Amino acid sequence: KPLAIVTFLVYMLAMVWLVLFKGGTGLYELLRFGLPDLPRGISWDLHFNGMESLLNVGVFVPLGLFLMLLSSRERVWPKALVCCATSVAFETAQYILKIGTCDVMDVINNTLGGVLGILLFVLLKRLLKARTRPVLTLLAIPGTAAFVLVTYLYR
């Protein structure tokens, strides 16, 4: 379990870097120059945005997997709410820090990704039986590395 926790923390740091700073050095500029003077925006458009929508779904799949992997209780709905709350937190941070548009469709896509991760865990548990946690823990490290690399390349 400690390996899964460390990998989860690396994943969350990568999420902050990718979602808030778009995989760039935005943190450096933020600390050096302060908050940019950009208009804040909230997008209420509910439309599929191609690759961006798919990446938003994909970025949150590991979150659902990790939530199920690290939890002793396998109730689905509380974890789905955590996925949604995490997405809302990222979008709120983008709004407050003026580093992106607060997009309702992103919240929907991100939550969908988290729920897909949860459902993937449930499916794997049925297929692998008692070996689910050890197998997913071993896959978590290369999976997280692949997630960061692919998301960074397609950002």
N, C-alpha and C. Protein backbone atom coordinates (compact mmCIF):
# COMPACT_ATOMS: atom_id res chain seq x y z
N LYS A 1 0.81 -1.21 0.00
CA LYS A 1 0.00 0.00 0.00
C LYS A 1 0.85 1.27 0.00
N PRO A 2 2.01 1.31 0.67
CA PRO A 2 2.83 2.53 0.60
C PRO A 2 3.24 2.88 -0.83
N LEU A 3 3.53 1.88 -1.64
CA LEU A 3 3.89 2.12 -3.04
C LEU A 3 2.73 2.77 -3.79
N ALA A 4 1.54 2.30 -3.54
CA ALA A 4 0.35 2.88 -4.19
C ALA A 4 0.13 4.32 -3.72
N ILE A 5 0.36 4.59 -2.46
CA ILE A 5 0.18 5.94 -1.93
C ILE A 5 1.19 6.90 -2.55
N VAL A 6 2.45 6.49 -2.63
CA VAL A 6 3.48 7.34 -3.23
C VAL A 6 3.17 7.59 -4.70
N THR A 7 2.76 6.55 -5.42
CA THR A 7 2.42 6.70 -6.83
C THR A 7 1.22 7.62 -6.99
N PHE A 8 0.24 7.52 -6.10
CA PHE A 8 -0.93 8.40 -6.13
C PHE A 8 -0.51 9.86 -5.93
N LEU A 9 0.40 10.10 -5.00
CA LEU A 9 0.87 11.47 -4.77
C LEU A 9 1.61 12.03 -5.99
N VAL A 10 2.41 11.18 -6.65
CA VAL A 10 3.09 11.61 -7.88
C VAL A 10 2.05 11.94 -8.94
N TYR A 11 1.03 11.09 -9.05
CA TYR A 11 -0.05 11.32 -10.01
C TYR A 11 -0.73 12.66 -9.72
N MET A 12 -1.04 12.95 -8.47
CA MET A 12 -1.73 14.20 -8.14
C MET A 12 -0.85 15.42 -8.43
N LEU A 13 0.46 15.31 -8.17
CA LEU A 13 1.37 16.41 -8.52
C LEU A 13 1.39 16.62 -10.03
N ALA A 14 1.41 15.51 -10.77
CA ALA A 14 1.37 15.61 -12.23
C ALA A 14 0.05 16.24 -12.68
N MET A 15 -1.04 15.90 -12.01
CA MET A 15 -2.34 16.50 -12.35
C MET A 15 -2.31 18.01 -12.15
N VAL A 16 -1.77 18.46 -11.04
CA VAL A 16 -1.68 19.90 -10.78
C VAL A 16 -0.85 20.56 -11.87
N TRP A 17 0.28 19.95 -12.20
CA TRP A 17 1.18 20.50 -13.21
C TRP A 17 0.49 20.54 -14.57
N LEU A 18 -0.22 19.47 -14.93
CA LEU A 18 -0.85 19.40 -16.25
C LEU A 18 -2.13 20.22 -16.34
N VAL A 19 -2.97 20.14 -15.32
CA VAL A 19 -4.27 20.81 -15.39
C VAL A 19 -4.14 22.31 -15.13
N LEU A 20 -3.41 22.67 -14.11
CA LEU A 20 -3.32 24.10 -13.78
C LEU A 20 -2.27 24.84 -14.60
N PHE A 21 -1.14 24.19 -14.85
CA PHE A 21 -0.05 24.88 -15.53
C PHE A 21 0.19 24.36 -16.94
N LYS A 22 -0.73 23.52 -17.42
CA LYS A 22 -0.70 23.01 -18.80
C LYS A 22 0.64 22.38 -19.16
N GLY A 23 1.30 21.80 -18.18
CA GLY A 23 2.57 21.13 -18.43
C GLY A 23 3.73 22.07 -18.67
N GLY A 24 3.55 23.34 -18.37
CA GLY A 24 4.61 24.32 -18.59
C GLY A 24 5.22 24.76 -17.28
N THR A 25 5.89 25.88 -17.35
CA THR A 25 6.57 26.40 -16.17
C THR A 25 5.76 27.53 -15.55
N GLY A 26 4.45 27.44 -15.64
CA GLY A 26 3.58 28.50 -15.14
C GLY A 26 3.80 28.84 -13.68
N LEU A 27 4.22 27.85 -12.89
CA LEU A 27 4.45 28.11 -11.47
C LEU A 27 5.58 29.12 -11.29
N TYR A 28 6.63 28.97 -12.10
CA TYR A 28 7.75 29.91 -12.01
C TYR A 28 7.29 31.33 -12.33
N GLU A 29 6.55 31.48 -13.43
CA GLU A 29 6.06 32.80 -13.79
C GLU A 29 5.11 33.37 -12.74
N LEU A 30 4.28 32.47 -12.18
CA LEU A 30 3.34 32.91 -11.15
C LEU A 30 4.08 33.44 -9.93
N LEU A 31 5.12 32.73 -9.50
CA LEU A 31 5.88 33.16 -8.33
C LEU A 31 6.72 34.40 -8.64
N ARG A 32 7.22 34.51 -9.85
CA ARG A 32 8.10 35.62 -10.21
C ARG A 32 7.33 36.90 -10.51
N PHE A 33 6.24 36.77 -11.26
CA PHE A 33 5.53 37.96 -11.74
C PHE A 33 4.16 38.17 -11.08
N GLY A 34 3.71 37.23 -10.29
CA GLY A 34 2.39 37.35 -9.69
C GLY A 34 1.31 36.87 -10.64
N LEU A 35 0.10 37.02 -10.23
CA LEU A 35 -1.02 36.57 -11.04
C LEU A 35 -1.14 37.39 -12.31
N PRO A 36 -1.35 36.74 -13.45
CA PRO A 36 -1.52 37.50 -14.69
C PRO A 36 -2.81 38.30 -14.65
N ASP A 37 -2.83 39.38 -15.40
CA ASP A 37 -4.01 40.23 -15.43
C ASP A 37 -4.89 39.81 -16.62
N LEU A 38 -5.42 38.59 -16.53
CA LEU A 38 -6.28 38.06 -17.58
C LEU A 38 -7.72 38.10 -17.10
N PRO A 39 -8.64 38.26 -18.01
CA PRO A 39 -10.04 38.24 -17.60
C PRO A 39 -10.43 36.83 -17.14
N ARG A 40 -11.23 36.78 -16.11
CA ARG A 40 -11.73 35.49 -15.65
C ARG A 40 -12.90 35.10 -16.52
N GLY A 41 -13.02 33.82 -16.75
CA GLY A 41 -14.12 33.38 -17.57
C GLY A 41 -14.68 32.05 -17.10
N ILE A 42 -15.96 31.90 -17.31
CA ILE A 42 -16.62 30.62 -17.06
C ILE A 42 -17.32 30.25 -18.35
N SER A 43 -17.00 29.08 -18.85
CA SER A 43 -17.62 28.61 -20.08
C SER A 43 -18.74 27.64 -19.72
N TRP A 44 -19.94 27.96 -20.17
CA TRP A 44 -21.10 27.12 -19.91
C TRP A 44 -21.44 26.25 -21.12
N ASP A 45 -20.59 26.29 -22.15
CA ASP A 45 -20.85 25.50 -23.36
C ASP A 45 -20.76 24.01 -23.05
N LEU A 46 -21.79 23.29 -23.45
CA LEU A 46 -21.80 21.85 -23.26
C LEU A 46 -21.63 21.19 -24.62
N HIS A 47 -20.38 21.09 -25.06
CA HIS A 47 -20.10 20.50 -26.35
C HIS A 47 -18.84 19.64 -26.27
N PHE A 48 -18.79 18.61 -27.09
CA PHE A 48 -17.63 17.75 -27.18
C PHE A 48 -16.55 18.52 -27.94
N ASN A 49 -15.37 18.61 -27.34
CA ASN A 49 -14.31 19.43 -27.91
C ASN A 49 -13.15 18.57 -28.43
N GLY A 50 -13.46 17.45 -29.05
CA GLY A 50 -12.45 16.61 -29.69
C GLY A 50 -11.40 16.08 -28.73
N MET A 51 -10.14 16.27 -29.11
CA MET A 51 -9.02 15.73 -28.34
C MET A 51 -8.97 16.29 -26.92
N GLU A 52 -9.31 17.55 -26.74
CA GLU A 52 -9.29 18.13 -25.39
C GLU A 52 -10.27 17.41 -24.48
N SER A 53 -11.45 17.11 -24.97
CA SER A 53 -12.44 16.39 -24.16
C SER A 53 -11.95 14.99 -23.84
N LEU A 54 -11.36 14.30 -24.82
CA LEU A 54 -10.83 12.96 -24.58
C LEU A 54 -9.69 12.98 -23.57
N LEU A 55 -8.82 13.98 -23.65
CA LEU A 55 -7.73 14.09 -22.67
C LEU A 55 -8.27 14.38 -21.27
N ASN A 56 -9.30 15.21 -21.19
CA ASN A 56 -9.90 15.47 -19.88
C ASN A 56 -10.48 14.20 -19.27
N VAL A 57 -11.10 13.38 -20.09
CA VAL A 57 -11.61 12.09 -19.59
C VAL A 57 -10.43 11.22 -19.16
N GLY A 58 -9.43 11.11 -20.03
CA GLY A 58 -8.28 10.24 -19.76
C GLY A 58 -7.48 10.62 -18.54
N VAL A 59 -7.34 11.93 -18.30
CA VAL A 59 -6.56 12.41 -17.16
C VAL A 59 -7.15 11.94 -15.84
N PHE A 60 -8.46 11.78 -15.78
CA PHE A 60 -9.11 11.44 -14.52
C PHE A 60 -9.37 9.94 -14.33
N VAL A 61 -9.13 9.12 -15.36
CA VAL A 61 -9.31 7.67 -15.20
C VAL A 61 -8.41 7.13 -14.07
N PRO A 62 -7.12 7.51 -14.04
CA PRO A 62 -6.30 7.01 -12.93
C PRO A 62 -6.81 7.44 -11.55
N LEU A 63 -7.43 8.61 -11.46
CA LEU A 63 -7.96 9.04 -10.16
C LEU A 63 -9.00 8.05 -9.65
N GLY A 64 -9.92 7.64 -10.49
CA GLY A 64 -10.92 6.65 -10.09
C GLY A 64 -10.28 5.33 -9.69
N LEU A 65 -9.28 4.90 -10.46
CA LEU A 65 -8.57 3.66 -10.13
C LEU A 65 -7.88 3.77 -8.77
N PHE A 66 -7.16 4.89 -8.57
CA PHE A 66 -6.46 5.08 -7.30
C PHE A 66 -7.42 5.15 -6.11
N LEU A 67 -8.54 5.83 -6.28
CA LEU A 67 -9.50 5.92 -5.17
C LEU A 67 -9.99 4.55 -4.76
N MET A 68 -10.25 3.70 -5.74
CA MET A 68 -10.70 2.33 -5.42
C MET A 68 -9.55 1.51 -4.85
N LEU A 69 -8.36 1.68 -5.39
CA LEU A 69 -7.21 0.90 -4.96
C LEU A 69 -6.82 1.22 -3.52
N LEU A 70 -6.90 2.49 -3.15
CA LEU A 70 -6.44 2.91 -1.83
C LEU A 70 -7.52 2.81 -0.75
N SER A 71 -8.73 2.53 -1.13
CA SER A 71 -9.83 2.49 -0.17
C SER A 71 -10.08 1.06 0.29
N SER A 72 -10.40 0.94 1.56
CA SER A 72 -10.76 -0.38 2.08
C SER A 72 -12.22 -0.70 1.76
N ARG A 73 -13.04 0.33 1.57
CA ARG A 73 -14.44 0.14 1.20
C ARG A 73 -14.60 0.41 -0.28
N GLU A 74 -15.33 -0.43 -0.94
CA GLU A 74 -15.44 -0.32 -2.39
C GLU A 74 -16.78 0.25 -2.84
N ARG A 75 -17.29 1.20 -2.09
CA ARG A 75 -18.51 1.87 -2.51
C ARG A 75 -18.18 2.84 -3.63
N VAL A 76 -18.98 2.80 -4.69
CA VAL A 76 -18.68 3.54 -5.91
C VAL A 76 -19.09 5.01 -5.82
N TRP A 77 -20.30 5.31 -5.35
CA TRP A 77 -20.81 6.68 -5.42
C TRP A 77 -20.00 7.70 -4.63
N PRO A 78 -19.53 7.38 -3.42
CA PRO A 78 -18.70 8.38 -2.74
C PRO A 78 -17.43 8.72 -3.52
N LYS A 79 -16.87 7.73 -4.18
CA LYS A 79 -15.65 7.98 -4.95
C LYS A 79 -15.95 8.78 -6.22
N ALA A 80 -17.11 8.54 -6.81
CA ALA A 80 -17.52 9.35 -7.96
C ALA A 80 -17.69 10.81 -7.54
N LEU A 81 -18.22 11.03 -6.36
CA LEU A 81 -18.35 12.41 -5.85
C LEU A 81 -16.99 13.04 -5.60
N VAL A 82 -16.01 12.25 -5.14
CA VAL A 82 -14.66 12.76 -4.94
C VAL A 82 -14.05 13.17 -6.29
N CYS A 83 -14.29 12.37 -7.32
CA CYS A 83 -13.80 12.72 -8.67
C CYS A 83 -14.40 14.04 -9.12
N CYS A 84 -15.69 14.21 -8.92
CA CYS A 84 -16.37 15.45 -9.30
C CYS A 84 -15.84 16.62 -8.48
N ALA A 85 -15.69 16.43 -7.18
CA ALA A 85 -15.18 17.51 -6.31
C ALA A 85 -13.75 17.90 -6.69
N THR A 86 -12.94 16.93 -7.06
CA THR A 86 -11.57 17.21 -7.48
C THR A 86 -11.57 18.05 -8.75
N SER A 87 -12.43 17.70 -9.69
CA SER A 87 -12.54 18.46 -10.92
C SER A 87 -13.01 19.89 -10.65
N VAL A 88 -14.01 20.01 -9.81
CA VAL A 88 -14.51 21.35 -9.46
C VAL A 88 -13.41 22.16 -8.79
N ALA A 89 -12.61 21.52 -7.94
CA ALA A 89 -11.50 22.22 -7.28
C ALA A 89 -10.48 22.73 -8.30
N PHE A 90 -10.14 21.90 -9.29
CA PHE A 90 -9.20 22.34 -10.33
C PHE A 90 -9.78 23.50 -11.14
N GLU A 91 -11.03 23.39 -11.52
CA GLU A 91 -11.65 24.46 -12.31
C GLU A 91 -11.77 25.75 -11.50
N THR A 92 -12.08 25.63 -10.23
CA THR A 92 -12.16 26.80 -9.35
C THR A 92 -10.79 27.46 -9.21
N ALA A 93 -9.75 26.63 -9.06
CA ALA A 93 -8.38 27.16 -8.96
C ALA A 93 -8.01 27.91 -10.25
N GLN A 94 -8.39 27.36 -11.40
CA GLN A 94 -8.11 28.05 -12.65
C GLN A 94 -8.81 29.40 -12.69
N TYR A 95 -10.02 29.46 -12.20
CA TYR A 95 -10.78 30.71 -12.18
C TYR A 95 -10.14 31.72 -11.23
N ILE A 96 -9.84 31.27 -10.03
CA ILE A 96 -9.28 32.19 -9.02
C ILE A 96 -7.91 32.69 -9.43
N LEU A 97 -7.05 31.79 -9.94
CA LEU A 97 -5.70 32.16 -10.31
C LEU A 97 -5.60 32.79 -11.70
N LYS A 98 -6.73 32.83 -12.41
CA LYS A 98 -6.78 33.39 -13.76
C LYS A 98 -5.78 32.70 -14.69
N ILE A 99 -5.72 31.38 -14.62
CA ILE A 99 -4.77 30.65 -15.46
C ILE A 99 -5.50 29.70 -16.41
N GLY A 100 -6.72 29.96 -16.66
CA GLY A 100 -7.49 29.15 -17.59
C GLY A 100 -8.96 29.49 -17.45
N THR A 101 -9.72 28.93 -18.32
CA THR A 101 -11.16 29.14 -18.26
C THR A 101 -11.79 28.08 -17.40
N CYS A 102 -12.66 28.50 -16.54
CA CYS A 102 -13.44 27.57 -15.73
C CYS A 102 -14.52 27.01 -16.64
N ASP A 103 -14.41 25.74 -17.00
CA ASP A 103 -15.24 25.15 -18.03
C ASP A 103 -16.11 24.05 -17.45
N VAL A 104 -17.42 24.21 -17.57
CA VAL A 104 -18.37 23.23 -17.05
C VAL A 104 -18.20 21.88 -17.77
N MET A 105 -17.89 21.92 -19.05
CA MET A 105 -17.70 20.68 -19.80
C MET A 105 -16.48 19.92 -19.29
N ASP A 106 -15.47 20.63 -18.83
CA ASP A 106 -14.30 19.97 -18.24
C ASP A 106 -14.70 19.19 -16.99
N VAL A 107 -15.56 19.79 -16.17
CA VAL A 107 -16.03 19.10 -14.96
C VAL A 107 -16.76 17.82 -15.34
N ILE A 108 -17.61 17.90 -16.36
CA ILE A 108 -18.35 16.72 -16.81
C ILE A 108 -17.39 15.66 -17.34
N ASN A 109 -16.45 16.07 -18.21
CA ASN A 109 -15.50 15.11 -18.78
C ASN A 109 -14.60 14.51 -17.71
N ASN A 110 -14.10 15.33 -16.80
CA ASN A 110 -13.22 14.84 -15.74
C ASN A 110 -13.95 13.85 -14.84
N THR A 111 -15.18 14.18 -14.48
CA THR A 111 -15.97 13.27 -13.64
C THR A 111 -16.23 11.96 -14.37
N LEU A 112 -16.53 12.05 -15.65
CA LEU A 112 -16.73 10.85 -16.45
C LEU A 112 -15.47 9.99 -16.45
N GLY A 113 -14.31 10.61 -16.59
CA GLY A 113 -13.05 9.87 -16.54
C GLY A 113 -12.84 9.17 -15.22
N GLY A 114 -13.11 9.87 -14.12
CA GLY A 114 -12.98 9.25 -12.80
C GLY A 114 -13.92 8.07 -12.63
N VAL A 115 -15.15 8.22 -13.08
CA VAL A 115 -16.14 7.14 -12.99
C VAL A 115 -15.70 5.96 -13.86
N LEU A 116 -15.15 6.24 -15.03
CA LEU A 116 -14.63 5.15 -15.87
C LEU A 116 -13.50 4.40 -15.16
N GLY A 117 -12.64 5.13 -14.46
CA GLY A 117 -11.58 4.49 -13.67
C GLY A 117 -12.15 3.61 -12.58
N ILE A 118 -13.19 4.08 -11.91
CA ILE A 118 -13.85 3.29 -10.87
C ILE A 118 -14.44 2.03 -11.47
N LEU A 119 -15.15 2.18 -12.58
CA LEU A 119 -15.76 1.01 -13.23
C LEU A 119 -14.71 0.05 -13.77
N LEU A 120 -13.58 0.56 -14.23
CA LEU A 120 -12.49 -0.29 -14.68
C LEU A 120 -11.96 -1.13 -13.52
N PHE A 121 -11.84 -0.51 -12.35
CA PHE A 121 -11.39 -1.25 -11.16
C PHE A 121 -12.38 -2.37 -10.83
N VAL A 122 -13.68 -2.05 -10.85
CA VAL A 122 -14.71 -3.05 -10.54
C VAL A 122 -14.63 -4.21 -11.55
N LEU A 123 -14.45 -3.88 -12.82
CA LEU A 123 -14.33 -4.91 -13.85
C LEU A 123 -13.09 -5.78 -13.63
N LEU A 124 -11.96 -5.12 -13.36
CA LEU A 124 -10.73 -5.88 -13.11
C LEU A 124 -10.85 -6.75 -11.87
N LYS A 125 -11.55 -6.25 -10.87
CA LYS A 125 -11.73 -7.04 -9.65
C LYS A 125 -12.51 -8.32 -9.95
N ARG A 126 -13.51 -8.21 -10.80
CA ARG A 126 -14.28 -9.41 -11.17
C ARG A 126 -13.44 -10.38 -11.98
N LEU A 127 -12.57 -9.84 -12.83
CA LEU A 127 -11.73 -10.70 -13.67
C LEU A 127 -10.56 -11.31 -12.90
N LEU A 128 -9.93 -10.52 -12.05
CA LEU A 128 -8.71 -10.96 -11.37
C LEU A 128 -8.96 -11.52 -9.98
N LYS A 129 -10.15 -11.37 -9.47
CA LYS A 129 -10.53 -11.83 -8.12
C LYS A 129 -9.63 -11.17 -7.06
N ALA A 130 -9.00 -11.96 -6.23
CA ALA A 130 -8.24 -11.44 -5.09
C ALA A 130 -6.94 -10.76 -5.50
N ARG A 131 -6.48 -10.96 -6.72
CA ARG A 131 -5.20 -10.39 -7.15
C ARG A 131 -5.33 -8.97 -7.66
N THR A 132 -6.50 -8.37 -7.62
CA THR A 132 -6.72 -7.05 -8.20
C THR A 132 -5.78 -6.00 -7.62
N ARG A 133 -5.72 -5.89 -6.31
CA ARG A 133 -4.90 -4.84 -5.68
C ARG A 133 -3.41 -5.01 -5.97
N PRO A 134 -2.84 -6.21 -5.82
CA PRO A 134 -1.41 -6.34 -6.15
C PRO A 134 -1.10 -6.05 -7.61
N VAL A 135 -1.95 -6.52 -8.52
CA VAL A 135 -1.71 -6.28 -9.95
C VAL A 135 -1.82 -4.80 -10.26
N LEU A 136 -2.86 -4.12 -9.77
CA LEU A 136 -3.01 -2.69 -10.04
C LEU A 136 -1.91 -1.86 -9.39
N THR A 137 -1.45 -2.28 -8.22
CA THR A 137 -0.35 -1.57 -7.57
C THR A 137 0.91 -1.66 -8.44
N LEU A 138 1.18 -2.85 -8.99
CA LEU A 138 2.35 -3.00 -9.86
C LEU A 138 2.20 -2.22 -11.16
N LEU A 139 0.98 -2.10 -11.66
CA LEU A 139 0.74 -1.36 -12.90
C LEU A 139 0.67 0.15 -12.67
N ALA A 140 0.52 0.57 -11.41
CA ALA A 140 0.32 1.99 -11.11
C ALA A 140 1.53 2.84 -11.49
N ILE A 141 2.73 2.34 -11.25
CA ILE A 141 3.93 3.14 -11.53
C ILE A 141 4.12 3.35 -13.03
N PRO A 142 4.20 2.29 -13.84
CA PRO A 142 4.34 2.56 -15.28
C PRO A 142 3.10 3.23 -15.87
N GLY A 143 1.93 2.93 -15.32
CA GLY A 143 0.71 3.56 -15.80
C GLY A 143 0.71 5.05 -15.55
N THR A 144 1.16 5.46 -14.37
CA THR A 144 1.24 6.88 -14.04
C THR A 144 2.27 7.57 -14.92
N ALA A 145 3.42 6.92 -15.12
CA ALA A 145 4.46 7.50 -15.98
C ALA A 145 3.94 7.66 -17.41
N ALA A 146 3.25 6.66 -17.92
CA ALA A 146 2.68 6.74 -19.27
C ALA A 146 1.64 7.84 -19.35
N PHE A 147 0.80 7.96 -18.32
CA PHE A 147 -0.22 9.00 -18.28
C PHE A 147 0.41 10.38 -18.38
N VAL A 148 1.44 10.62 -17.57
CA VAL A 148 2.09 11.94 -17.57
C VAL A 148 2.71 12.22 -18.93
N LEU A 149 3.40 11.24 -19.50
CA LEU A 149 4.06 11.43 -20.78
C LEU A 149 3.06 11.69 -21.91
N VAL A 150 2.04 10.86 -22.02
CA VAL A 150 1.06 11.01 -23.10
C VAL A 150 0.30 12.33 -22.96
N THR A 151 -0.12 12.65 -21.75
CA THR A 151 -0.86 13.89 -21.55
C THR A 151 0.00 15.10 -21.84
N TYR A 152 1.28 15.05 -21.46
CA TYR A 152 2.16 16.16 -21.73
C TYR A 152 2.37 16.33 -23.23
N LEU A 153 2.54 15.22 -23.94
CA LEU A 153 2.79 15.29 -25.38
C LEU A 153 1.58 15.81 -26.15
N TYR A 154 0.37 15.53 -25.67
CA TYR A 154 -0.84 15.94 -26.37
C TYR A 154 -1.54 17.13 -25.76
N ARG A 155 -0.88 17.85 -24.87
CA ARG A 155 -1.51 18.99 -24.22
C ARG A 155 -1.73 20.12 -25.17
